[in-house]
């Protein structure tokens, strides 16, 4: 067993109101809180135990979608191993924003950073304005994975994070373990220990 817990840093990005905080809260706490916008940045650290008893900590960052906080969020891209880029399937403007976010992410993040495009709020299917095919075509063009979720109904929430973490492992496993430092880690076979460590301003209110 490792003597320390390496850290995988994951950032949630997207316009205000797309459900970033609710998605994170559902993953961490199994529920969503009140709809209060995130102020600047909030984060928590969730400990994950791997099947071979190797532990990592997943540092999960929730960013504010308001324009005045975007430059602050950009400073955190460089150390991220994974990014969940969210839009609201009922709000076309939030989907259009994804292209701009991708440009920012790719200009400021590591080339091996894994990006998932997330179409959230599929519980509001009757109000859908972005079809699965339209979003999936965009994702394929950008060479990223597309997944649809409902944070409030807990649909595919766990699967999204597990898939992203396993993909991070696939990237990291080829690296020389002698070069590992505190914010790097490896190994696969994720198993949630239920051990939550809260840091910063991790209030988990739905944005």
N, C-alpha and C. Protein backbone atom coordinates (compact mmCIF):
# COMPACT_ATOMS: atom_id res chain seq x y z
N UNK A 1 0.85 -1.20 0.00
CA UNK A 1 0.00 0.00 0.00
C UNK A 1 0.88 1.25 0.00
N UNK A 2 0.46 2.29 -0.75
CA UNK A 2 1.25 3.50 -0.80
C UNK A 2 1.24 4.22 0.54
N UNK A 3 2.34 4.92 0.86
CA UNK A 3 2.47 5.59 2.15
C UNK A 3 1.85 6.98 2.13
N UNK A 4 1.50 7.50 0.96
CA UNK A 4 0.82 8.77 0.86
C UNK A 4 -0.25 8.64 -0.22
N UNK A 5 -1.14 9.58 -0.29
CA UNK A 5 -2.22 9.53 -1.26
C UNK A 5 -1.98 10.55 -2.36
N UNK A 6 -1.58 10.10 -3.53
CA UNK A 6 -1.42 11.02 -4.67
C UNK A 6 -2.75 11.71 -4.97
N UNK A 7 -2.67 12.84 -5.66
CA UNK A 7 -3.87 13.63 -5.91
C UNK A 7 -4.17 13.72 -7.40
N UNK A 8 -5.42 13.42 -7.76
CA UNK A 8 -5.93 13.67 -9.10
C UNK A 8 -6.81 14.92 -9.02
N UNK A 9 -6.46 15.93 -9.76
CA UNK A 9 -7.23 17.18 -9.74
C UNK A 9 -8.20 17.22 -10.91
N UNK A 10 -9.48 17.41 -10.60
CA UNK A 10 -10.53 17.47 -11.61
C UNK A 10 -11.30 18.78 -11.43
N UNK A 11 -11.57 19.45 -12.56
CA UNK A 11 -12.26 20.73 -12.52
C UNK A 11 -13.58 20.64 -13.28
N UNK A 12 -14.63 21.23 -12.72
CA UNK A 12 -15.91 21.34 -13.40
C UNK A 12 -16.05 22.75 -13.96
N UNK A 13 -16.35 22.85 -15.26
CA UNK A 13 -16.38 24.13 -15.96
C UNK A 13 -17.70 24.25 -16.72
N UNK A 14 -18.18 25.46 -16.89
CA UNK A 14 -19.38 25.70 -17.67
C UNK A 14 -20.08 26.96 -17.21
N UNK A 15 -21.07 27.39 -17.98
CA UNK A 15 -21.82 28.59 -17.64
C UNK A 15 -22.53 28.45 -16.30
N UNK A 16 -22.86 29.57 -15.70
CA UNK A 16 -23.64 29.57 -14.47
C UNK A 16 -25.01 28.96 -14.74
N UNK A 17 -25.45 28.08 -13.84
CA UNK A 17 -26.77 27.50 -13.94
C UNK A 17 -26.86 26.17 -14.68
N UNK A 18 -25.72 25.66 -15.17
CA UNK A 18 -25.78 24.39 -15.91
C UNK A 18 -25.81 23.17 -15.00
N UNK A 19 -25.53 23.36 -13.70
CA UNK A 19 -25.61 22.26 -12.75
C UNK A 19 -24.29 21.69 -12.28
N UNK A 20 -23.22 22.46 -12.36
CA UNK A 20 -21.90 21.96 -11.96
C UNK A 20 -21.88 21.56 -10.49
N UNK A 21 -22.36 22.46 -9.64
CA UNK A 21 -22.32 22.19 -8.21
C UNK A 21 -23.26 21.06 -7.82
N UNK A 22 -24.40 21.00 -8.47
CA UNK A 22 -25.35 19.93 -8.18
C UNK A 22 -24.76 18.57 -8.58
N UNK A 23 -24.08 18.52 -9.72
CA UNK A 23 -23.44 17.28 -10.15
C UNK A 23 -22.40 16.84 -9.13
N UNK A 24 -21.59 17.78 -8.69
CA UNK A 24 -20.55 17.47 -7.71
C UNK A 24 -21.16 17.07 -6.36
N UNK A 25 -22.18 17.78 -5.93
CA UNK A 25 -22.83 17.47 -4.67
C UNK A 25 -23.48 16.09 -4.70
N UNK A 26 -24.08 15.74 -5.83
CA UNK A 26 -24.70 14.42 -5.95
C UNK A 26 -23.63 13.32 -5.88
N UNK A 27 -22.49 13.56 -6.49
CA UNK A 27 -21.40 12.58 -6.46
C UNK A 27 -20.83 12.42 -5.06
N UNK A 28 -20.69 13.53 -4.35
CA UNK A 28 -20.08 13.50 -3.02
C UNK A 28 -21.08 13.11 -1.93
N UNK A 29 -22.25 13.75 -1.95
CA UNK A 29 -23.20 13.61 -0.85
C UNK A 29 -24.45 12.81 -1.18
N UNK A 30 -24.65 12.51 -2.47
CA UNK A 30 -25.85 11.79 -2.87
C UNK A 30 -27.10 12.65 -2.88
N UNK A 31 -26.92 13.97 -2.90
CA UNK A 31 -28.06 14.88 -2.96
C UNK A 31 -27.60 16.25 -3.43
N UNK A 32 -28.57 17.04 -3.92
CA UNK A 32 -28.31 18.42 -4.32
C UNK A 32 -28.82 19.37 -3.27
N UNK A 33 -28.15 20.51 -3.16
CA UNK A 33 -28.57 21.51 -2.20
C UNK A 33 -29.36 22.62 -2.87
N UNK A 34 -29.59 23.74 -2.18
CA UNK A 34 -30.32 24.87 -2.74
C UNK A 34 -29.60 25.46 -3.96
N UNK A 35 -30.33 26.15 -4.80
CA UNK A 35 -29.76 26.71 -6.03
C UNK A 35 -29.11 28.06 -5.76
N UNK A 36 -27.95 28.02 -5.11
CA UNK A 36 -27.18 29.23 -4.83
C UNK A 36 -25.92 29.19 -5.68
N UNK A 37 -25.65 30.24 -6.50
CA UNK A 37 -24.48 30.22 -7.38
C UNK A 37 -23.18 30.08 -6.62
N UNK A 38 -22.24 29.35 -7.22
CA UNK A 38 -20.89 29.24 -6.66
C UNK A 38 -20.19 30.58 -6.75
N UNK A 39 -19.48 30.95 -5.70
CA UNK A 39 -18.71 32.19 -5.68
C UNK A 39 -17.24 31.84 -5.91
N UNK A 40 -16.70 32.29 -7.05
CA UNK A 40 -15.30 32.05 -7.43
C UNK A 40 -15.03 30.55 -7.55
N UNK A 41 -14.38 29.93 -6.55
CA UNK A 41 -14.01 28.53 -6.62
C UNK A 41 -14.32 27.83 -5.30
N UNK A 42 -14.79 26.61 -5.38
CA UNK A 42 -14.99 25.77 -4.20
C UNK A 42 -14.44 24.39 -4.52
N UNK A 43 -13.93 23.70 -3.50
CA UNK A 43 -13.40 22.37 -3.78
C UNK A 43 -13.52 21.45 -2.57
N UNK A 44 -13.42 20.16 -2.84
CA UNK A 44 -13.34 19.15 -1.80
C UNK A 44 -12.39 18.06 -2.27
N UNK A 45 -12.01 17.19 -1.35
CA UNK A 45 -11.15 16.08 -1.70
C UNK A 45 -11.79 14.78 -1.26
N UNK A 46 -12.00 13.89 -2.20
CA UNK A 46 -12.62 12.60 -1.92
C UNK A 46 -11.57 11.50 -2.06
N UNK A 47 -11.45 10.67 -1.03
CA UNK A 47 -10.46 9.60 -1.07
C UNK A 47 -11.03 8.38 -1.79
N UNK A 48 -10.25 7.86 -2.71
CA UNK A 48 -10.63 6.69 -3.49
C UNK A 48 -9.65 5.57 -3.22
N UNK A 49 -10.16 4.39 -2.90
CA UNK A 49 -9.30 3.23 -2.71
C UNK A 49 -9.39 2.34 -3.95
N UNK A 50 -8.24 1.97 -4.48
CA UNK A 50 -8.18 1.13 -5.66
C UNK A 50 -8.23 -0.34 -5.26
N UNK A 51 -8.54 -1.20 -6.21
CA UNK A 51 -8.71 -2.62 -5.91
C UNK A 51 -7.45 -3.27 -5.36
N UNK A 52 -6.29 -2.70 -5.67
CA UNK A 52 -5.04 -3.27 -5.17
C UNK A 52 -4.58 -2.57 -3.89
N UNK A 53 -5.53 -1.91 -3.19
CA UNK A 53 -5.26 -1.21 -1.93
C UNK A 53 -4.42 0.05 -2.08
N UNK A 54 -4.30 0.54 -3.30
CA UNK A 54 -3.59 1.79 -3.55
C UNK A 54 -4.59 2.93 -3.49
N UNK A 55 -4.31 3.95 -2.67
CA UNK A 55 -5.26 5.03 -2.48
C UNK A 55 -4.82 6.31 -3.19
N UNK A 56 -5.80 7.03 -3.71
CA UNK A 56 -5.56 8.37 -4.26
C UNK A 56 -6.62 9.30 -3.70
N UNK A 57 -6.32 10.57 -3.74
CA UNK A 57 -7.30 11.59 -3.38
C UNK A 57 -7.70 12.33 -4.65
N UNK A 58 -9.00 12.47 -4.84
CA UNK A 58 -9.51 13.19 -5.99
C UNK A 58 -9.90 14.58 -5.53
N UNK A 59 -9.17 15.58 -6.01
CA UNK A 59 -9.46 16.97 -5.66
C UNK A 59 -10.43 17.52 -6.70
N UNK A 60 -11.63 17.84 -6.28
CA UNK A 60 -12.71 18.23 -7.17
C UNK A 60 -12.99 19.72 -7.02
N UNK A 61 -12.79 20.45 -8.12
CA UNK A 61 -12.93 21.91 -8.11
C UNK A 61 -14.20 22.31 -8.84
N UNK A 62 -15.02 23.10 -8.19
CA UNK A 62 -16.25 23.65 -8.77
C UNK A 62 -16.00 25.12 -9.07
N UNK A 63 -16.09 25.50 -10.34
CA UNK A 63 -15.79 26.88 -10.72
C UNK A 63 -17.08 27.67 -10.95
N UNK A 64 -17.01 28.97 -10.69
CA UNK A 64 -18.14 29.85 -10.95
C UNK A 64 -18.28 30.08 -12.44
N UNK A 65 -19.51 30.17 -12.92
CA UNK A 65 -19.74 30.40 -14.34
C UNK A 65 -19.82 31.87 -14.72
N UNK A 66 -19.86 32.75 -13.71
CA UNK A 66 -19.98 34.17 -14.01
C UNK A 66 -18.73 34.69 -14.71
N UNK A 67 -18.92 35.59 -15.63
CA UNK A 67 -17.84 36.13 -16.46
C UNK A 67 -16.69 36.69 -15.63
N UNK A 68 -17.00 37.37 -14.52
CA UNK A 68 -15.96 38.04 -13.75
C UNK A 68 -15.03 37.06 -13.04
N UNK A 69 -15.41 35.78 -12.97
CA UNK A 69 -14.57 34.80 -12.29
C UNK A 69 -13.79 33.90 -13.26
N UNK A 70 -14.00 34.07 -14.58
CA UNK A 70 -13.39 33.15 -15.54
C UNK A 70 -11.87 33.20 -15.52
N UNK A 71 -11.29 34.40 -15.37
CA UNK A 71 -9.83 34.50 -15.36
C UNK A 71 -9.25 33.78 -14.16
N UNK A 72 -9.97 33.77 -13.05
CA UNK A 72 -9.51 33.05 -11.85
C UNK A 72 -9.50 31.56 -12.11
N UNK A 73 -10.57 31.05 -12.73
CA UNK A 73 -10.66 29.62 -13.00
C UNK A 73 -9.56 29.17 -13.95
N UNK A 74 -9.19 30.02 -14.90
CA UNK A 74 -8.19 29.65 -15.88
C UNK A 74 -6.84 29.32 -15.26
N UNK A 75 -6.53 29.94 -14.12
CA UNK A 75 -5.25 29.70 -13.47
C UNK A 75 -5.14 28.29 -12.91
N UNK A 76 -6.28 27.59 -12.78
CA UNK A 76 -6.27 26.24 -12.21
C UNK A 76 -6.22 25.15 -13.27
N UNK A 77 -6.33 25.52 -14.54
CA UNK A 77 -6.34 24.52 -15.60
C UNK A 77 -5.03 23.74 -15.68
N UNK A 78 -3.91 24.40 -15.50
CA UNK A 78 -2.61 23.80 -15.77
C UNK A 78 -2.34 22.55 -14.94
N UNK A 79 -2.83 22.48 -13.74
CA UNK A 79 -2.55 21.34 -12.87
C UNK A 79 -3.68 20.32 -12.86
N UNK A 80 -4.66 20.51 -13.74
CA UNK A 80 -5.79 19.59 -13.77
C UNK A 80 -5.47 18.35 -14.57
N UNK A 81 -5.89 17.19 -14.07
CA UNK A 81 -5.76 15.94 -14.82
C UNK A 81 -6.99 15.66 -15.65
N UNK A 82 -8.14 16.19 -15.19
CA UNK A 82 -9.39 15.98 -15.92
C UNK A 82 -10.30 17.17 -15.78
N UNK A 83 -11.11 17.41 -16.82
CA UNK A 83 -12.06 18.52 -16.79
C UNK A 83 -13.41 18.04 -17.30
N UNK A 84 -14.46 18.35 -16.53
CA UNK A 84 -15.82 18.10 -16.96
C UNK A 84 -16.40 19.43 -17.43
N UNK A 85 -16.68 19.53 -18.72
CA UNK A 85 -17.23 20.74 -19.32
C UNK A 85 -18.74 20.56 -19.49
N UNK A 86 -19.52 21.29 -18.71
CA UNK A 86 -20.97 21.09 -18.67
C UNK A 86 -21.73 22.14 -19.46
N UNK A 87 -22.84 21.70 -20.05
CA UNK A 87 -23.84 22.62 -20.58
C UNK A 87 -25.21 22.09 -20.22
N UNK A 88 -26.20 22.94 -20.33
CA UNK A 88 -27.60 22.61 -20.03
C UNK A 88 -28.28 22.27 -21.35
N UNK A 89 -28.81 21.06 -21.48
CA UNK A 89 -29.41 20.64 -22.76
C UNK A 89 -30.65 21.45 -23.12
N UNK A 90 -31.18 22.22 -22.16
CA UNK A 90 -32.35 23.05 -22.44
C UNK A 90 -31.97 24.49 -22.79
N UNK A 91 -30.67 24.80 -22.72
CA UNK A 91 -30.22 26.18 -22.91
C UNK A 91 -29.12 26.23 -23.96
N UNK A 92 -29.48 26.64 -25.17
CA UNK A 92 -28.54 26.61 -26.29
C UNK A 92 -27.33 27.51 -26.05
N UNK A 93 -27.51 28.62 -25.38
CA UNK A 93 -26.39 29.52 -25.15
C UNK A 93 -25.29 28.85 -24.34
N UNK A 94 -25.67 27.96 -23.41
CA UNK A 94 -24.66 27.27 -22.60
C UNK A 94 -23.88 26.27 -23.44
N UNK A 95 -24.52 25.73 -24.47
CA UNK A 95 -23.83 24.82 -25.39
C UNK A 95 -22.87 25.61 -26.28
N UNK A 96 -23.30 26.76 -26.78
CA UNK A 96 -22.44 27.60 -27.59
C UNK A 96 -21.19 28.04 -26.82
N UNK A 97 -21.33 28.22 -25.51
CA UNK A 97 -20.19 28.65 -24.69
C UNK A 97 -19.09 27.59 -24.62
N UNK A 98 -19.44 26.34 -24.88
CA UNK A 98 -18.47 25.25 -24.73
C UNK A 98 -17.28 25.42 -25.65
N UNK A 99 -17.49 25.94 -26.83
CA UNK A 99 -16.38 26.15 -27.76
C UNK A 99 -15.36 27.12 -27.17
N UNK A 100 -15.86 28.19 -26.55
CA UNK A 100 -14.97 29.16 -25.92
C UNK A 100 -14.24 28.56 -24.73
N UNK A 101 -14.97 27.79 -23.92
CA UNK A 101 -14.33 27.12 -22.78
C UNK A 101 -13.23 26.17 -23.26
N UNK A 102 -13.49 25.43 -24.31
CA UNK A 102 -12.48 24.50 -24.83
C UNK A 102 -11.23 25.24 -25.27
N UNK A 103 -11.41 26.37 -25.90
CA UNK A 103 -10.25 27.17 -26.31
C UNK A 103 -9.43 27.60 -25.10
N UNK A 104 -10.12 28.03 -24.04
CA UNK A 104 -9.43 28.44 -22.81
C UNK A 104 -8.72 27.25 -22.17
N UNK A 105 -9.41 26.14 -22.10
CA UNK A 105 -8.85 24.94 -21.46
C UNK A 105 -7.59 24.50 -22.19
N UNK A 106 -7.67 24.42 -23.51
CA UNK A 106 -6.53 23.91 -24.29
C UNK A 106 -5.37 24.89 -24.31
N UNK A 107 -5.66 26.16 -24.12
CA UNK A 107 -4.59 27.15 -24.07
C UNK A 107 -3.88 27.15 -22.73
N UNK A 108 -4.54 26.64 -21.69
CA UNK A 108 -3.99 26.75 -20.34
C UNK A 108 -3.75 25.44 -19.61
N UNK A 109 -4.21 24.32 -20.17
CA UNK A 109 -4.06 23.04 -19.47
C UNK A 109 -2.95 22.20 -20.08
N UNK A 110 -2.58 21.14 -19.38
CA UNK A 110 -1.59 20.19 -19.87
C UNK A 110 -2.15 19.45 -21.08
N UNK A 111 -1.28 19.09 -22.00
CA UNK A 111 -1.74 18.43 -23.23
C UNK A 111 -2.39 17.07 -22.95
N UNK A 112 -2.07 16.45 -21.83
CA UNK A 112 -2.64 15.15 -21.48
C UNK A 112 -3.90 15.26 -20.63
N UNK A 113 -4.36 16.46 -20.37
CA UNK A 113 -5.58 16.65 -19.58
C UNK A 113 -6.77 16.04 -20.35
N UNK A 114 -7.58 15.26 -19.65
CA UNK A 114 -8.72 14.59 -20.27
C UNK A 114 -9.98 15.42 -20.08
N UNK A 115 -10.69 15.66 -21.18
CA UNK A 115 -11.87 16.51 -21.15
C UNK A 115 -13.10 15.70 -21.53
N UNK A 116 -14.14 15.80 -20.71
CA UNK A 116 -15.45 15.22 -21.02
C UNK A 116 -16.44 16.36 -21.23
N UNK A 117 -17.24 16.26 -22.27
CA UNK A 117 -18.35 17.17 -22.47
C UNK A 117 -19.59 16.55 -21.85
N UNK A 118 -20.26 17.30 -20.96
CA UNK A 118 -21.40 16.77 -20.23
C UNK A 118 -22.66 17.57 -20.57
N UNK A 119 -23.64 16.89 -21.15
CA UNK A 119 -24.95 17.49 -21.37
C UNK A 119 -25.83 17.19 -20.16
N UNK A 120 -26.04 18.18 -19.32
CA UNK A 120 -26.77 17.96 -18.06
C UNK A 120 -28.25 18.32 -18.19
N UNK A 121 -29.03 17.88 -17.23
CA UNK A 121 -30.47 18.14 -17.09
C UNK A 121 -31.31 17.32 -18.07
N UNK A 122 -30.93 16.06 -18.29
CA UNK A 122 -31.75 15.23 -19.19
C UNK A 122 -33.08 14.84 -18.55
N UNK A 123 -33.27 15.18 -17.28
CA UNK A 123 -34.59 15.00 -16.67
C UNK A 123 -35.60 15.99 -17.26
N UNK A 124 -35.10 17.01 -17.95
CA UNK A 124 -35.96 18.00 -18.61
C UNK A 124 -36.02 17.73 -20.11
N UNK A 125 -36.19 16.48 -20.46
CA UNK A 125 -36.17 16.06 -21.87
C UNK A 125 -37.20 16.82 -22.73
N UNK A 126 -38.34 17.11 -22.19
CA UNK A 126 -39.39 17.80 -22.96
C UNK A 126 -38.99 19.23 -23.32
N UNK A 127 -38.00 19.77 -22.62
CA UNK A 127 -37.53 21.13 -22.89
C UNK A 127 -36.19 21.14 -23.62
N UNK A 128 -35.74 20.00 -24.07
CA UNK A 128 -34.43 19.88 -24.72
C UNK A 128 -34.31 20.80 -25.94
N UNK A 129 -33.18 21.50 -26.04
CA UNK A 129 -32.87 22.34 -27.19
C UNK A 129 -31.61 21.90 -27.93
N UNK A 130 -30.85 21.00 -27.31
CA UNK A 130 -29.65 20.45 -27.93
C UNK A 130 -29.83 18.95 -28.02
N UNK A 131 -29.86 18.40 -29.22
CA UNK A 131 -30.05 16.96 -29.37
C UNK A 131 -28.77 16.22 -29.00
N UNK A 132 -28.94 14.95 -28.67
CA UNK A 132 -27.76 14.12 -28.38
C UNK A 132 -26.82 14.11 -29.57
N UNK A 133 -27.37 13.93 -30.76
CA UNK A 133 -26.53 13.84 -31.97
C UNK A 133 -25.75 15.12 -32.22
N UNK A 134 -26.38 16.28 -32.01
CA UNK A 134 -25.68 17.54 -32.23
C UNK A 134 -24.49 17.68 -31.29
N UNK A 135 -24.73 17.38 -30.01
CA UNK A 135 -23.65 17.50 -29.03
C UNK A 135 -22.58 16.45 -29.26
N UNK A 136 -22.98 15.25 -29.63
CA UNK A 136 -22.02 14.18 -29.86
C UNK A 136 -21.14 14.46 -31.07
N UNK A 137 -21.72 15.02 -32.12
CA UNK A 137 -20.94 15.40 -33.30
C UNK A 137 -19.90 16.45 -32.94
N UNK A 138 -20.31 17.43 -32.14
CA UNK A 138 -19.37 18.46 -31.68
C UNK A 138 -18.24 17.83 -30.88
N UNK A 139 -18.59 16.92 -29.97
CA UNK A 139 -17.59 16.27 -29.13
C UNK A 139 -16.60 15.47 -29.96
N UNK A 140 -17.10 14.72 -30.94
CA UNK A 140 -16.23 13.92 -31.79
C UNK A 140 -15.29 14.82 -32.60
N UNK A 141 -15.81 15.93 -33.07
CA UNK A 141 -14.98 16.88 -33.81
C UNK A 141 -13.86 17.42 -32.94
N UNK A 142 -14.15 17.61 -31.66
CA UNK A 142 -13.15 18.14 -30.72
C UNK A 142 -12.33 17.03 -30.07
N UNK A 143 -12.61 15.79 -30.42
CA UNK A 143 -11.88 14.63 -29.90
C UNK A 143 -12.00 14.49 -28.38
N UNK A 144 -13.22 14.69 -27.90
CA UNK A 144 -13.51 14.50 -26.48
C UNK A 144 -14.74 13.60 -26.35
N UNK A 145 -14.94 13.06 -25.17
CA UNK A 145 -16.07 12.16 -24.93
C UNK A 145 -17.31 12.95 -24.52
N UNK A 146 -18.49 12.50 -25.00
CA UNK A 146 -19.74 13.15 -24.63
C UNK A 146 -20.61 12.20 -23.81
N UNK A 147 -21.13 12.73 -22.69
CA UNK A 147 -22.02 11.96 -21.81
C UNK A 147 -23.17 12.87 -21.38
N UNK A 148 -24.38 12.31 -21.30
CA UNK A 148 -25.51 13.07 -20.81
C UNK A 148 -25.88 12.61 -19.41
N UNK A 149 -26.20 13.57 -18.56
CA UNK A 149 -26.49 13.29 -17.15
C UNK A 149 -27.71 14.07 -16.67
N UNK A 150 -28.22 13.64 -15.54
CA UNK A 150 -29.14 14.46 -14.75
C UNK A 150 -28.57 14.50 -13.35
N UNK A 151 -28.02 15.63 -12.97
CA UNK A 151 -27.45 15.74 -11.63
C UNK A 151 -28.53 15.62 -10.57
N UNK A 152 -29.65 16.26 -10.79
CA UNK A 152 -30.70 16.29 -9.77
C UNK A 152 -31.38 14.93 -9.61
N UNK A 153 -31.40 14.11 -10.68
CA UNK A 153 -32.00 12.78 -10.62
C UNK A 153 -30.95 11.68 -10.46
N UNK A 154 -29.70 12.08 -10.32
CA UNK A 154 -28.60 11.14 -10.13
C UNK A 154 -28.50 10.11 -11.27
N UNK A 155 -28.60 10.60 -12.49
CA UNK A 155 -28.50 9.75 -13.67
C UNK A 155 -27.11 9.86 -14.29
N UNK A 156 -26.35 8.77 -14.24
CA UNK A 156 -25.00 8.65 -14.79
C UNK A 156 -23.97 9.53 -14.08
N UNK A 157 -24.27 9.99 -12.90
CA UNK A 157 -23.33 10.85 -12.17
C UNK A 157 -22.10 10.05 -11.74
N UNK A 158 -22.30 8.96 -11.04
CA UNK A 158 -21.19 8.11 -10.59
C UNK A 158 -20.39 7.61 -11.78
N UNK A 159 -21.09 7.22 -12.84
CA UNK A 159 -20.41 6.66 -14.01
C UNK A 159 -19.47 7.67 -14.67
N UNK A 160 -19.89 8.93 -14.71
CA UNK A 160 -19.06 9.97 -15.32
C UNK A 160 -17.73 10.12 -14.59
N UNK A 161 -17.79 10.23 -13.27
CA UNK A 161 -16.57 10.42 -12.50
C UNK A 161 -15.68 9.17 -12.55
N UNK A 162 -16.30 8.00 -12.44
CA UNK A 162 -15.52 6.75 -12.50
C UNK A 162 -14.82 6.60 -13.85
N UNK A 163 -15.55 6.89 -14.92
CA UNK A 163 -14.96 6.79 -16.26
C UNK A 163 -13.81 7.76 -16.43
N UNK A 164 -13.99 8.99 -15.95
CA UNK A 164 -12.92 9.98 -16.06
C UNK A 164 -11.69 9.55 -15.27
N UNK A 165 -11.89 9.05 -14.05
CA UNK A 165 -10.76 8.63 -13.23
C UNK A 165 -10.01 7.46 -13.86
N UNK A 166 -10.73 6.53 -14.45
CA UNK A 166 -10.08 5.41 -15.11
C UNK A 166 -9.29 5.87 -16.33
N UNK A 167 -9.82 6.88 -17.03
CA UNK A 167 -9.08 7.42 -18.17
C UNK A 167 -7.83 8.16 -17.73
N UNK A 168 -7.91 8.84 -16.60
CA UNK A 168 -6.72 9.49 -16.06
C UNK A 168 -5.66 8.44 -15.74
N UNK A 169 -6.09 7.34 -15.15
CA UNK A 169 -5.16 6.25 -14.87
C UNK A 169 -4.48 5.76 -16.15
N UNK A 170 -5.24 5.60 -17.21
CA UNK A 170 -4.68 5.09 -18.46
C UNK A 170 -3.56 6.00 -18.96
N UNK A 171 -3.72 7.30 -18.74
CA UNK A 171 -2.68 8.25 -19.14
C UNK A 171 -1.48 8.16 -18.20
N UNK A 172 -1.77 8.05 -16.90
CA UNK A 172 -0.70 8.09 -15.91
C UNK A 172 0.08 6.78 -15.79
N UNK A 173 -0.52 5.68 -16.13
CA UNK A 173 0.15 4.40 -15.89
C UNK A 173 1.41 4.22 -16.74
N UNK A 174 1.50 4.95 -17.85
CA UNK A 174 2.68 4.84 -18.69
C UNK A 174 3.84 5.69 -18.23
N UNK A 175 3.60 6.51 -17.22
CA UNK A 175 4.67 7.37 -16.73
C UNK A 175 5.58 6.62 -15.78
N UNK A 176 6.79 7.04 -15.67
CA UNK A 176 7.77 6.44 -14.77
C UNK A 176 7.38 6.73 -13.33
N UNK A 177 7.12 5.68 -12.54
CA UNK A 177 6.69 5.87 -11.16
C UNK A 177 7.74 6.58 -10.31
N UNK A 178 8.98 6.52 -10.72
CA UNK A 178 10.02 7.21 -9.97
C UNK A 178 9.86 8.72 -10.03
N UNK A 179 9.08 9.20 -11.02
CA UNK A 179 8.89 10.64 -11.17
C UNK A 179 7.62 11.13 -10.52
N UNK A 180 6.92 10.25 -9.82
CA UNK A 180 5.68 10.67 -9.18
C UNK A 180 5.97 11.67 -8.06
N UNK A 181 5.08 12.65 -7.93
CA UNK A 181 5.18 13.56 -6.80
C UNK A 181 3.79 13.73 -6.23
N UNK A 182 3.63 14.60 -5.29
CA UNK A 182 2.42 14.60 -4.47
C UNK A 182 1.13 14.69 -5.27
N UNK A 183 1.11 15.44 -6.36
CA UNK A 183 -0.16 15.59 -7.06
C UNK A 183 -0.25 14.69 -8.28
N UNK A 184 0.45 13.53 -8.27
CA UNK A 184 0.31 12.55 -9.32
C UNK A 184 0.02 11.19 -8.70
N UNK A 185 -0.63 10.30 -9.47
CA UNK A 185 -0.95 8.98 -8.96
C UNK A 185 -1.28 8.03 -10.07
N UNK A 186 -1.44 6.74 -9.77
CA UNK A 186 -1.73 5.75 -10.78
C UNK A 186 -2.56 4.63 -10.20
N UNK A 187 -2.71 3.57 -11.00
CA UNK A 187 -3.46 2.35 -10.70
C UNK A 187 -4.95 2.47 -11.02
N UNK A 188 -5.59 1.33 -11.19
CA UNK A 188 -6.96 1.29 -11.69
C UNK A 188 -7.82 0.39 -10.82
N UNK A 189 -9.09 0.27 -11.16
CA UNK A 189 -10.02 -0.55 -10.39
C UNK A 189 -10.58 0.27 -9.25
N UNK A 190 -11.34 1.32 -9.56
CA UNK A 190 -11.76 2.27 -8.56
C UNK A 190 -12.85 1.72 -7.67
N UNK A 191 -12.74 1.99 -6.38
CA UNK A 191 -13.76 1.58 -5.44
C UNK A 191 -13.95 2.70 -4.44
N UNK A 192 -15.15 3.23 -4.34
CA UNK A 192 -15.45 4.35 -3.45
C UNK A 192 -15.45 3.88 -2.00
N UNK A 193 -14.59 4.49 -1.19
CA UNK A 193 -14.52 4.12 0.22
C UNK A 193 -15.56 4.86 1.05
N UNK A 194 -16.17 5.89 0.47
CA UNK A 194 -17.13 6.69 1.22
C UNK A 194 -16.46 7.67 2.16
N UNK A 195 -15.14 7.80 2.08
CA UNK A 195 -14.40 8.69 2.96
C UNK A 195 -14.28 10.05 2.30
N UNK A 196 -14.98 11.05 2.84
CA UNK A 196 -14.98 12.39 2.26
C UNK A 196 -14.20 13.33 3.15
N UNK A 197 -13.27 14.05 2.52
CA UNK A 197 -12.51 15.06 3.24
C UNK A 197 -12.85 16.40 2.63
N UNK A 198 -13.43 17.29 3.39
CA UNK A 198 -13.83 18.59 2.86
C UNK A 198 -12.73 19.61 3.09
N UNK A 199 -12.53 20.46 2.06
CA UNK A 199 -11.55 21.52 2.15
C UNK A 199 -12.16 22.80 1.61
N UNK A 200 -11.45 23.90 1.78
CA UNK A 200 -11.84 25.15 1.16
C UNK A 200 -13.26 25.54 1.51
N UNK A 201 -14.00 25.98 0.49
CA UNK A 201 -15.37 26.45 0.69
C UNK A 201 -16.33 25.44 0.09
N UNK A 202 -16.23 24.21 0.44
CA UNK A 202 -17.03 23.15 -0.19
C UNK A 202 -18.43 23.09 0.43
N UNK A 203 -19.29 24.02 0.03
CA UNK A 203 -20.65 24.06 0.57
C UNK A 203 -21.61 23.21 -0.24
N UNK A 204 -21.27 22.93 -1.49
CA UNK A 204 -22.08 22.08 -2.37
C UNK A 204 -23.52 22.54 -2.48
N UNK A 205 -23.71 23.76 -2.94
CA UNK A 205 -25.03 24.24 -3.27
C UNK A 205 -25.15 24.27 -4.79
N UNK A 206 -26.26 23.85 -5.32
CA UNK A 206 -26.42 23.74 -6.77
C UNK A 206 -26.28 25.09 -7.44
N UNK A 207 -25.43 25.10 -8.48
CA UNK A 207 -25.28 26.36 -9.21
C UNK A 207 -26.13 26.33 -10.46
